[in-house]
Full PDB file with SEQRES, HELIX, SHEET, SSBOND, CRYST1, ORIGX, SCALE, CONECT and MASTER records, all heavy atoms in Angstrom:
SEQRES   1 A   39  LYS GLU SER HIS SER GLY MET HIS LEU GLU GLU PHE THR          
SEQRES   2 A   39  MET LEU ASN LEU VAL ASP MET GLY PRO ALA GLY ASP ALA          
SEQRES   3 A   39  THR GLU SER LEU LYS LYS TYR ILE GLY ILE VAL MET LYS          
HELIX    1 AA1 ALA A   26  MET A   38  1                                  13    
CRYST1    1.000    1.000    1.000  90.00  90.00  90.00 P 1           1          
ORIGX1      1.000000  0.000000  0.000000        0.00000                         
ORIGX2      0.000000  1.000000  0.000000        0.00000                         
ORIGX3      0.000000  0.000000  1.000000        0.00000                         
SCALE1      1.000000  0.000000  0.000000        0.00000                         
SCALE2      0.000000  1.000000  0.000000        0.00000                         
SCALE3      0.000000  0.000000  1.000000        0.00000                         
ATOM      1  N   LYS A   1      35.202 -34.709  37.274  1.00  0.00           N  
ATOM      2  CA  LYS A   1      34.749 -33.632  36.402  1.00  0.00           C  
ATOM      3  C   LYS A   1      35.102 -32.311  37.080  1.00  0.00           C  
ATOM      4  O   LYS A   1      34.436 -31.897  38.022  1.00  0.00           O  
ATOM      5  CB  LYS A   1      33.245 -33.734  36.150  1.00  0.00           C  
ATOM      6  CG  LYS A   1      32.839 -35.002  35.430  1.00  0.00           C  
ATOM      7  CD  LYS A   1      31.325 -35.119  35.315  1.00  0.00           C  
ATOM      8  CE  LYS A   1      30.922 -36.439  34.662  1.00  0.00           C  
ATOM      9  NZ  LYS A   1      29.451 -36.597  34.595  1.00  0.00           N  
ATOM     10  N   GLU A   2      36.177 -31.684  36.613  1.00  0.00           N  
ATOM     11  CA  GLU A   2      36.687 -30.476  37.245  1.00  0.00           C  
ATOM     12  C   GLU A   2      36.420 -29.251  36.382  1.00  0.00           C  
ATOM     13  O   GLU A   2      36.345 -29.336  35.156  1.00  0.00           O  
ATOM     14  CB  GLU A   2      38.205 -30.595  37.474  1.00  0.00           C  
ATOM     15  CG  GLU A   2      38.611 -31.697  38.445  1.00  0.00           C  
ATOM     16  CD  GLU A   2      38.464 -31.252  39.894  1.00  0.00           C  
ATOM     17  OE1 GLU A   2      37.886 -30.186  40.160  1.00  0.00           O  
ATOM     18  OE2 GLU A   2      38.941 -32.006  40.773  1.00  0.00           O  
ATOM     19  N   SER A   3      36.308 -28.095  37.048  1.00  0.00           N  
ATOM     20  CA  SER A   3      36.285 -26.835  36.313  1.00  0.00           C  
ATOM     21  C   SER A   3      37.679 -26.597  35.762  1.00  0.00           C  
ATOM     22  O   SER A   3      38.680 -26.972  36.375  1.00  0.00           O  
ATOM     23  CB  SER A   3      35.886 -25.684  37.245  1.00  0.00           C  
ATOM     24  OG  SER A   3      36.779 -25.619  38.338  1.00  0.00           O  
ATOM     25  N   HIS A   4      37.756 -25.997  34.578  1.00  0.00           N  
ATOM     26  CA  HIS A   4      39.053 -25.781  33.954  1.00  0.00           C  
ATOM     27  C   HIS A   4      39.807 -24.679  34.687  1.00  0.00           C  
ATOM     28  O   HIS A   4      39.296 -23.593  34.915  1.00  0.00           O  
ATOM     29  CB  HIS A   4      38.868 -25.408  32.478  1.00  0.00           C  
ATOM     30  CG  HIS A   4      38.273 -26.519  31.658  1.00  0.00           C  
ATOM     31  ND1 HIS A   4      38.988 -27.644  31.323  1.00  0.00           N  
ATOM     32  CD2 HIS A   4      37.037 -26.686  31.141  1.00  0.00           C  
ATOM     33  CE1 HIS A   4      38.220 -28.449  30.610  1.00  0.00           C  
ATOM     34  NE2 HIS A   4      37.031 -27.898  30.493  1.00  0.00           N  
ATOM     35  N   SER A   5      41.053 -24.985  35.053  1.00  0.00           N  
ATOM     36  CA  SER A   5      41.908 -23.988  35.692  1.00  0.00           C  
ATOM     37  C   SER A   5      43.340 -24.424  35.541  1.00  0.00           C  
ATOM     38  O   SER A   5      43.631 -25.536  35.090  1.00  0.00           O  
ATOM     39  CB  SER A   5      41.562 -23.829  37.183  1.00  0.00           C  
ATOM     40  OG  SER A   5      42.113 -24.889  37.935  1.00  0.00           O  
ATOM     41  N   GLY A   6      44.261 -23.557  35.932  1.00  0.00           N  
ATOM     42  CA  GLY A   6      45.671 -23.853  35.785  1.00  0.00           C  
ATOM     43  C   GLY A   6      46.174 -24.931  36.711  1.00  0.00           C  
ATOM     44  O   GLY A   6      47.282 -25.436  36.533  1.00  0.00           O  
ATOM     45  N   MET A   7      45.368 -25.332  37.745  1.00  0.00           N  
ATOM     46  CA  MET A   7      45.830 -26.337  38.705  1.00  0.00           C  
ATOM     47  C   MET A   7      44.856 -27.503  38.863  1.00  0.00           C  
ATOM     48  O   MET A   7      44.909 -28.234  39.839  1.00  0.00           O  
ATOM     49  CB  MET A   7      46.086 -25.680  40.066  1.00  0.00           C  
ATOM     50  CG  MET A   7      47.265 -24.714  40.078  1.00  0.00           C  
ATOM     51  SD  MET A   7      48.844 -25.454  39.572  1.00  0.00           S  
ATOM     52  CE  MET A   7      49.309 -26.302  41.077  1.00  0.00           C  
ATOM     53  N   HIS A   8      43.932 -27.689  37.906  1.00  0.00           N  
ATOM     54  CA  HIS A   8      42.979 -28.805  37.962  1.00  0.00           C  
ATOM     55  C   HIS A   8      43.018 -29.605  36.666  1.00  0.00           C  
ATOM     56  O   HIS A   8      43.115 -29.038  35.571  1.00  0.00           O  
ATOM     57  CB  HIS A   8      41.551 -28.298  38.189  1.00  0.00           C  
ATOM     58  CG  HIS A   8      41.290 -27.816  39.578  1.00  0.00           C  
ATOM     59  ND1 HIS A   8      41.517 -26.519  39.972  1.00  0.00           N  
ATOM     60  CD2 HIS A   8      40.840 -28.467  40.681  1.00  0.00           C  
ATOM     61  CE1 HIS A   8      41.205 -26.391  41.252  1.00  0.00           C  
ATOM     62  NE2 HIS A   8      40.798 -27.557  41.705  1.00  0.00           N  
ATOM     63  N   LEU A   9      42.942 -30.919  36.794  1.00  0.00           N  
ATOM     64  CA  LEU A   9      42.851 -31.825  35.660  1.00  0.00           C  
ATOM     65  C   LEU A   9      41.707 -32.803  35.905  1.00  0.00           C  
ATOM     66  O   LEU A   9      41.431 -33.171  37.045  1.00  0.00           O  
ATOM     67  CB  LEU A   9      44.145 -32.631  35.502  1.00  0.00           C  
ATOM     68  CG  LEU A   9      45.416 -31.864  35.139  1.00  0.00           C  
ATOM     69  CD1 LEU A   9      46.626 -32.778  35.312  1.00  0.00           C  
ATOM     70  CD2 LEU A   9      45.338 -31.336  33.721  1.00  0.00           C  
ATOM     71  N   GLU A  10      41.048 -33.249  34.837  1.00  0.00           N  
ATOM     72  CA  GLU A  10      39.998 -34.248  35.006  1.00  0.00           C  
ATOM     73  C   GLU A  10      40.582 -35.648  35.151  1.00  0.00           C  
ATOM     74  O   GLU A  10      39.979 -36.511  35.772  1.00  0.00           O  
ATOM     75  CB  GLU A  10      39.022 -34.187  33.831  1.00  0.00           C  
ATOM     76  CG  GLU A  10      38.182 -32.910  33.833  1.00  0.00           C  
ATOM     77  CD  GLU A  10      37.003 -32.970  32.901  1.00  0.00           C  
ATOM     78  OE1 GLU A  10      37.124 -33.592  31.825  1.00  0.00           O  
ATOM     79  OE2 GLU A  10      35.945 -32.405  33.244  1.00  0.00           O  
ATOM     80  N   GLU A  11      41.751 -35.894  34.574  1.00  0.00           N  
ATOM     81  CA  GLU A  11      42.517 -37.120  34.816  1.00  0.00           C  
ATOM     82  C   GLU A  11      43.801 -36.706  35.510  1.00  0.00           C  
ATOM     83  O   GLU A  11      44.609 -35.973  34.938  1.00  0.00           O  
ATOM     84  CB  GLU A  11      42.830 -37.841  33.510  1.00  0.00           C  
ATOM     85  CG  GLU A  11      43.684 -39.087  33.710  1.00  0.00           C  
ATOM     86  CD  GLU A  11      44.084 -39.774  32.417  1.00  0.00           C  
ATOM     87  OE1 GLU A  11      43.551 -39.397  31.351  1.00  0.00           O  
ATOM     88  OE2 GLU A  11      44.932 -40.690  32.462  1.00  0.00           O  
ATOM     89  N   PHE A  12      43.989 -37.156  36.741  1.00  0.00           N  
ATOM     90  CA  PHE A  12      45.144 -36.727  37.511  1.00  0.00           C  
ATOM     91  C   PHE A  12      45.704 -37.911  38.297  1.00  0.00           C  
ATOM     92  O   PHE A  12      45.075 -38.974  38.380  1.00  0.00           O  
ATOM     93  CB  PHE A  12      44.778 -35.581  38.462  1.00  0.00           C  
ATOM     94  CG  PHE A  12      43.662 -35.895  39.421  1.00  0.00           C  
ATOM     95  CD1 PHE A  12      43.926 -36.319  40.715  1.00  0.00           C  
ATOM     96  CD2 PHE A  12      42.331 -35.777  39.025  1.00  0.00           C  
ATOM     97  CE1 PHE A  12      42.889 -36.617  41.600  1.00  0.00           C  
ATOM     98  CE2 PHE A  12      41.290 -36.069  39.893  1.00  0.00           C  
ATOM     99  CZ  PHE A  12      41.570 -36.501  41.190  1.00  0.00           C  
ATOM    100  N   THR A  13      46.884 -37.734  38.858  1.00  0.00           N  
ATOM    101  CA  THR A  13      47.574 -38.819  39.556  1.00  0.00           C  
ATOM    102  C   THR A  13      47.649 -38.511  41.044  1.00  0.00           C  
ATOM    103  O   THR A  13      48.135 -37.448  41.436  1.00  0.00           O  
ATOM    104  CB  THR A  13      48.995 -38.998  39.000  1.00  0.00           C  
ATOM    105  OG1 THR A  13      48.948 -39.066  37.581  1.00  0.00           O  
ATOM    106  CG2 THR A  13      49.623 -40.276  39.554  1.00  0.00           C  
ATOM    107  N   MET A  14      47.140 -39.437  41.834  1.00  0.00           N  
ATOM    108  CA  MET A  14      47.172 -39.280  43.278  1.00  0.00           C  
ATOM    109  C   MET A  14      48.222 -40.191  43.897  1.00  0.00           C  
ATOM    110  O   MET A  14      48.493 -41.284  43.392  1.00  0.00           O  
ATOM    111  CB  MET A  14      45.817 -39.642  43.896  1.00  0.00           C  
ATOM    112  CG  MET A  14      44.712 -38.637  43.639  1.00  0.00           C  
ATOM    113  SD  MET A  14      44.989 -37.055  44.460  1.00  0.00           S  
ATOM    114  CE  MET A  14      45.026 -37.548  46.188  1.00  0.00           C  
ATOM    115  N   LEU A  15      48.813 -39.719  44.977  1.00  0.00           N  
ATOM    116  CA  LEU A  15      49.558 -40.563  45.898  1.00  0.00           C  
ATOM    117  C   LEU A  15      48.775 -40.580  47.198  1.00  0.00           C  
ATOM    118  O   LEU A  15      48.516 -39.523  47.775  1.00  0.00           O  
ATOM    119  CB  LEU A  15      50.958 -39.999  46.165  1.00  0.00           C  
ATOM    120  CG  LEU A  15      51.612 -40.440  47.489  1.00  0.00           C  
ATOM    121  CD1 LEU A  15      51.922 -41.930  47.476  1.00  0.00           C  
ATOM    122  CD2 LEU A  15      52.850 -39.623  47.791  1.00  0.00           C  
ATOM    123  N   ASN A  16      48.370 -41.759  47.647  1.00  0.00           N  
ATOM    124  CA  ASN A  16      47.773 -41.901  48.967  1.00  0.00           C  
ATOM    125  C   ASN A  16      48.652 -42.829  49.794  1.00  0.00           C  
ATOM    126  O   ASN A  16      49.059 -43.896  49.315  1.00  0.00           O  
ATOM    127  CB  ASN A  16      46.359 -42.486  48.887  1.00  0.00           C  
ATOM    128  CG  ASN A  16      45.303 -41.417  48.763  1.00  0.00           C  
ATOM    129  OD1 ASN A  16      45.450 -40.500  47.961  1.00  0.00           O  
ATOM    130  ND2 ASN A  16      44.237 -41.530  49.527  1.00  0.00           N  
ATOM    131  N   LEU A  17      48.917 -42.424  51.024  1.00  0.00           N  
ATOM    132  CA  LEU A  17      49.641 -43.279  51.957  1.00  0.00           C  
ATOM    133  C   LEU A  17      48.846 -43.369  53.249  1.00  0.00           C  
ATOM    134  O   LEU A  17      48.132 -42.440  53.618  1.00  0.00           O  
ATOM    135  CB  LEU A  17      51.047 -42.737  52.214  1.00  0.00           C  
ATOM    136  CG  LEU A  17      51.183 -41.367  52.885  1.00  0.00           C  
ATOM    137  CD1 LEU A  17      51.138 -41.442  54.407  1.00  0.00           C  
ATOM    138  CD2 LEU A  17      52.471 -40.695  52.449  1.00  0.00           C  
ATOM    139  N   VAL A  18      48.960 -44.512  53.924  1.00  0.00           N  
ATOM    140  CA  VAL A  18      48.264 -44.682  55.198  1.00  0.00           C  
ATOM    141  C   VAL A  18      49.065 -45.622  56.090  1.00  0.00           C  
ATOM    142  O   VAL A  18      49.651 -46.597  55.615  1.00  0.00           O  
ATOM    143  CB  VAL A  18      46.827 -45.210  54.990  1.00  0.00           C  
ATOM    144  CG1 VAL A  18      46.828 -46.570  54.332  1.00  0.00           C  
ATOM    145  CG2 VAL A  18      46.056 -45.255  56.312  1.00  0.00           C  
ATOM    146  N   ASP A  19      49.123 -45.277  57.351  1.00  0.00           N  
ATOM    147  CA  ASP A  19      49.755 -46.106  58.372  1.00  0.00           C  
ATOM    148  C   ASP A  19      48.688 -46.429  59.408  1.00  0.00           C  
ATOM    149  O   ASP A  19      48.231 -45.545  60.134  1.00  0.00           O  
ATOM    150  CB  ASP A  19      50.921 -45.335  59.008  1.00  0.00           C  
ATOM    151  CG  ASP A  19      51.600 -46.113  60.143  1.00  0.00           C  
ATOM    152  OD1 ASP A  19      51.176 -47.238  60.435  1.00  0.00           O  
ATOM    153  OD2 ASP A  19      52.548 -45.568  60.736  1.00  0.00           O  
ATOM    154  N   MET A  20      48.255 -47.699  59.458  1.00  0.00           N  
ATOM    155  CA  MET A  20      47.283 -48.124  60.468  1.00  0.00           C  
ATOM    156  C   MET A  20      48.037 -48.704  61.658  1.00  0.00           C  
ATOM    157  O   MET A  20      48.863 -49.615  61.498  1.00  0.00           O  
ATOM    158  CB  MET A  20      46.323 -49.164  59.899  1.00  0.00           C  
ATOM    159  CG  MET A  20      45.225 -49.552  60.902  1.00  0.00           C  
ATOM    160  SD  MET A  20      43.847 -50.461  60.166  1.00  0.00           S  
ATOM    161  CE  MET A  20      44.618 -52.038  59.830  1.00  0.00           C  
ATOM    162  N   GLY A  21      47.762 -48.142  62.835  1.00  0.00           N  
ATOM    163  CA  GLY A  21      48.471 -48.549  64.034  1.00  0.00           C  
ATOM    164  C   GLY A  21      49.847 -47.922  64.141  1.00  0.00           C  
ATOM    165  O   GLY A  21      50.820 -48.615  64.463  1.00  0.00           O  
ATOM    166  N   PRO A  22      49.960 -46.619  63.869  1.00  0.00           N  
ATOM    167  CA  PRO A  22      51.287 -45.982  63.921  1.00  0.00           C  
ATOM    168  C   PRO A  22      51.873 -46.019  65.323  1.00  0.00           C  
ATOM    169  O   PRO A  22      51.136 -45.988  66.318  1.00  0.00           O  
ATOM    170  CB  PRO A  22      51.001 -44.545  63.477  1.00  0.00           C  
ATOM    171  CG  PRO A  22      49.563 -44.314  63.822  1.00  0.00           C  
ATOM    172  CD  PRO A  22      48.893 -45.640  63.602  1.00  0.00           C  
ATOM    173  N   ALA A  23      53.195 -46.092  65.396  1.00  0.00           N  
ATOM    174  CA  ALA A  23      53.872 -46.041  66.690  1.00  0.00           C  
ATOM    175  C   ALA A  23      53.838 -44.610  67.202  1.00  0.00           C  
ATOM    176  O   ALA A  23      54.260 -43.684  66.518  1.00  0.00           O  
ATOM    177  CB  ALA A  23      55.314 -46.523  66.539  1.00  0.00           C  
ATOM    178  N   GLY A  24      53.289 -44.396  68.385  1.00  0.00           N  
ATOM    179  CA  GLY A  24      53.208 -43.044  68.936  1.00  0.00           C  
ATOM    180  C   GLY A  24      52.010 -42.274  68.417  1.00  0.00           C  
ATOM    181  O   GLY A  24      51.020 -42.849  67.951  1.00  0.00           O  
ATOM    182  N   ASP A  25      52.092 -40.964  68.496  1.00  0.00           N  
ATOM    183  CA  ASP A  25      50.988 -40.078  68.126  1.00  0.00           C  
ATOM    184  C   ASP A  25      50.753 -40.094  66.620  1.00  0.00           C  
ATOM    185  O   ASP A  25      51.688 -39.907  65.832  1.00  0.00           O  
ATOM    186  CB  ASP A  25      51.298 -38.656  68.597  1.00  0.00           C  
ATOM    187  CG  ASP A  25      50.177 -37.698  68.271  1.00  0.00           C  
ATOM    188  OD1 ASP A  25      49.134 -37.754  68.938  1.00  0.00           O  
ATOM    189  OD2 ASP A  25      50.348 -36.892  67.331  1.00  0.00           O  
ATOM    190  N   ALA A  26      49.499 -40.299  66.206  1.00  0.00           N  
ATOM    191  CA  ALA A  26      49.173 -40.407  64.779  1.00  0.00           C  
ATOM    192  C   ALA A  26      49.464 -39.109  64.031  1.00  0.00           C  
ATOM    193  O   ALA A  26      49.940 -39.134  62.883  1.00  0.00           O  
ATOM    194  CB  ALA A  26      47.708 -40.801  64.606  1.00  0.00           C  
ATOM    195  N   THR A  27      49.186 -37.976  64.644  1.00  0.00           N  
ATOM    196  CA  THR A  27      49.416 -36.694  63.976  1.00  0.00           C  
ATOM    197  C   THR A  27      50.902 -36.455  63.750  1.00  0.00           C  
ATOM    198  O   THR A  27      51.318 -35.969  62.686  1.00  0.00           O  
ATOM    199  CB  THR A  27      48.812 -35.537  64.791  1.00  0.00           C  
ATOM    200  OG1 THR A  27      47.400 -35.735  64.909  1.00  0.00           O  
ATOM    201  CG2 THR A  27      49.061 -34.199  64.109  1.00  0.00           C  
ATOM    202  N   GLU A  28      51.730 -36.816  64.735  1.00  0.00           N  
ATOM    203  CA  GLU A  28      53.174 -36.655  64.569  1.00  0.00           C  
ATOM    204  C   GLU A  28      53.698 -37.603  63.492  1.00  0.00           C  
ATOM    205  O   GLU A  28      54.590 -37.243  62.717  1.00  0.00           O  
ATOM    206  CB  GLU A  28      53.886 -36.892  65.897  1.00  0.00           C  
ATOM    207  CG  GLU A  28      53.632 -35.803  66.923  1.00  0.00           C  
ATOM    208  CD  GLU A  28      53.947 -34.411  66.398  1.00  0.00           C  
ATOM    209  OE1 GLU A  28      55.054 -34.236  65.854  1.00  0.00           O  
ATOM    210  OE2 GLU A  28      53.087 -33.518  66.529  1.00  0.00           O  
ATOM    211  N   SER A  29      53.146 -38.817  63.443  1.00  0.00           N  
ATOM    212  CA  SER A  29      53.532 -39.742  62.370  1.00  0.00           C  
ATOM    213  C   SER A  29      53.160 -39.168  61.012  1.00  0.00           C  
ATOM    214  O   SER A  29      53.936 -39.247  60.051  1.00  0.00           O  
ATOM    215  CB  SER A  29      52.845 -41.098  62.570  1.00  0.00           C  
ATOM    216  OG  SER A  29      53.304 -41.737  63.738  1.00  0.00           O  
ATOM    217  N   LEU A  30      51.960 -38.596  60.931  1.00  0.00           N  
ATOM    218  CA  LEU A  30      51.508 -38.002  59.680  1.00  0.00           C  
ATOM    219  C   LEU A  30      52.459 -36.897  59.220  1.00  0.00           C  
ATOM    220  O   LEU A  30      52.834 -36.833  58.040  1.00  0.00           O  
ATOM    221  CB  LEU A  30      50.095 -37.442  59.865  1.00  0.00           C  
ATOM    222  CG  LEU A  30      49.447 -36.799  58.637  1.00  0.00           C  
ATOM    223  CD1 LEU A  30      49.313 -37.815  57.525  1.00  0.00           C  
ATOM    224  CD2 LEU A  30      48.092 -36.216  59.010  1.00  0.00           C  
ATOM    225  N   LYS A  31      52.849 -36.042  60.128  1.00  0.00           N  
ATOM    226  CA  LYS A  31      53.773 -34.955  59.781  1.00  0.00           C  
ATOM    227  C   LYS A  31      55.099 -35.511  59.271  1.00  0.00           C  
ATOM    228  O   LYS A  31      55.707 -34.966  58.341  1.00  0.00           O  
ATOM    229  CB  LYS A  31      53.988 -34.053  60.984  1.00  0.00           C  
ATOM    230  CG  LYS A  31      52.768 -33.235  61.378  1.00  0.00           C  
ATOM    231  CD  LYS A  31      53.027 -32.401  62.620  1.00  0.00           C  
ATOM    232  CE  LYS A  31      51.808 -31.597  63.022  1.00  0.00           C  
ATOM    233  NZ  LYS A  31      52.044 -30.817  64.267  1.00  0.00           N  
ATOM    234  N   LYS A  32      55.549 -36.610  59.877  1.00  0.00           N  
ATOM    235  CA  LYS A  32      56.790 -37.242  59.429  1.00  0.00           C  
ATOM    236  C   LYS A  32      56.658 -37.725  57.991  1.00  0.00           C  
ATOM    237  O   LYS A  32      57.548 -37.493  57.158  1.00  0.00           O  
ATOM    238  CB  LYS A  32      57.137 -38.414  60.348  1.00  0.00           C  
ATOM    239  CG  LYS A  32      58.304 -39.257  59.849  1.00  0.00           C  
ATOM    240  CD  LYS A  32      58.418 -40.562  60.624  1.00  0.00           C  
ATOM    241  CE  LYS A  32      59.429 -41.510  59.971  1.00  0.00           C  
ATOM    242  NZ  LYS A  32      59.491 -42.821  60.641  1.00  0.00           N  
ATOM    243  N   TYR A  33      55.537 -38.392  57.675  1.00  0.00           N  
ATOM    244  CA  TYR A  33      55.356 -38.943  56.334  1.00  0.00           C  
ATOM    245  C   TYR A  33      55.213 -37.828  55.294  1.00  0.00           C  
ATOM    246  O   TYR A  33      55.709 -37.955  54.168  1.00  0.00           O  
ATOM    247  CB  TYR A  33      54.140 -39.864  56.299  1.00  0.00           C  
ATOM    248  CG  TYR A  33      54.224 -41.003  57.286  1.00  0.00           C  
ATOM    249  CD1 TYR A  33      53.085 -41.457  57.964  1.00  0.00           C  
ATOM    250  CD2 TYR A  33      55.436 -41.622  57.568  1.00  0.00           C  
ATOM    251  CE1 TYR A  33      53.168 -42.488  58.877  1.00  0.00           C  
ATOM    252  CE2 TYR A  33      55.519 -42.660  58.483  1.00  0.00           C  
ATOM    253  CZ  TYR A  33      54.380 -43.086  59.137  1.00  0.00           C  
ATOM    254  OH  TYR A  33      54.465 -44.112  60.046  1.00  0.00           O  
ATOM    255  N   ILE A  34      54.546 -36.765  55.663  1.00  0.00           N  
ATOM    256  CA  ILE A  34      54.457 -35.615  54.758  1.00  0.00           C  
ATOM    257  C   ILE A  34      55.857 -35.090  54.460  1.00  0.00           C  
ATOM    258  O   ILE A  34      56.196 -34.781  53.305  1.00  0.00           O  
ATOM    259  CB  ILE A  34      53.579 -34.510  55.377  1.00  0.00           C  
ATOM    260  CG1 ILE A  34      52.103 -34.935  55.363  1.00  0.00           C  
ATOM    261  CG2 ILE A  34      53.754 -33.186  54.628  1.00  0.00           C  
ATOM    262  CD1 ILE A  34      51.187 -34.019  56.156  1.00  0.00           C  
ATOM    263  N   GLY A  35      56.684 -35.005  55.487  1.00  0.00           N  
ATOM    264  CA  GLY A  35      58.047 -34.532  55.301  1.00  0.00           C  
ATOM    265  C   GLY A  35      58.847 -35.429  54.375  1.00  0.00           C  
ATOM    266  O   GLY A  35      59.631 -34.937  53.542  1.00  0.00           O  
ATOM    267  N   ILE A  36      58.659 -36.751  54.483  1.00  0.00           N  
ATOM    268  CA  ILE A  36      59.371 -37.692  53.611  1.00  0.00           C  
ATOM    269  C   ILE A  36      58.995 -37.460  52.151  1.00  0.00           C  
ATOM    270  O   ILE A  36      59.855 -37.405  51.260  1.00  0.00           O  
ATOM    271  CB  ILE A  36      59.059 -39.140  54.031  1.00  0.00           C  
ATOM    272  CG1 ILE A  36      59.735 -39.465  55.364  1.00  0.00           C  
ATOM    273  CG2 ILE A  36      59.517 -40.130  52.956  1.00  0.00           C  
ATOM    274  CD1 ILE A  36      59.316 -40.795  55.962  1.00  0.00           C  
ATOM    275  N   VAL A  37      57.680 -37.320  51.893  1.00  0.00           N  
ATOM    276  CA  VAL A  37      57.214 -37.122  50.522  1.00  0.00           C  
ATOM    277  C   VAL A  37      57.701 -35.787  49.960  1.00  0.00           C  
ATOM    278  O   VAL A  37      58.199 -35.718  48.824  1.00  0.00           O  
ATOM    279  CB  VAL A  37      55.677 -37.201  50.457  1.00  0.00           C  
ATOM    280  CG1 VAL A  37      55.168 -36.794  49.067  1.00  0.00           C  
ATOM    281  CG2 VAL A  37      55.195 -38.603  50.799  1.00  0.00           C  
ATOM    282  N   MET A  38      57.586 -34.740  50.751  1.00  0.00           N  
ATOM    283  CA  MET A  38      57.959 -33.422  50.250  1.00  0.00           C  
ATOM    284  C   MET A  38      59.469 -33.317  50.013  1.00  0.00           C  
ATOM    285  O   MET A  38      59.914 -32.655  49.066  1.00  0.00           O  
ATOM    286  CB  MET A  38      57.481 -32.346  51.221  1.00  0.00           C  
ATOM    287  CG  MET A  38      55.963 -32.293  51.371  1.00  0.00           C  
ATOM    288  SD  MET A  38      55.077 -32.040  49.816  1.00  0.00           S  
ATOM    289  CE  MET A  38      55.394 -30.283  49.574  1.00  0.00           C  
ATOM    290  N   LYS A  39      60.255 -33.974  50.838  1.00  0.00           N  
ATOM    291  CA  LYS A  39      61.702 -33.992  50.615  1.00  0.00           C  
ATOM    292  C   LYS A  39      62.034 -34.746  49.333  1.00  0.00           C  
ATOM    293  O   LYS A  39      62.857 -34.301  48.519  1.00  0.00           O  
ATOM    294  CB  LYS A  39      62.413 -34.626  51.807  1.00  0.00           C  
ATOM    295  CG  LYS A  39      63.931 -34.676  51.646  1.00  0.00           C  
ATOM    296  CD  LYS A  39      64.601 -35.316  52.864  1.00  0.00           C  
ATOM    297  CE  LYS A  39      66.120 -35.381  52.688  1.00  0.00           C  
ATOM    298  NZ  LYS A  39      66.771 -36.032  53.858  1.00  0.00           N  
TER     299      LYS A  39                                                      
MASTER        0    0    0    1    0    0    0    6  298    1    0    3          
END                                                                             
């Protein structure tokens, strides 16, 4: 239940990704995955 605005919807689509047990630093892995999605 969202307030009406130009960037909010009450029905919306999410992408969630998760890597459990990432190789190396978790924060650096996260930045890598963000880069993949944004590209």
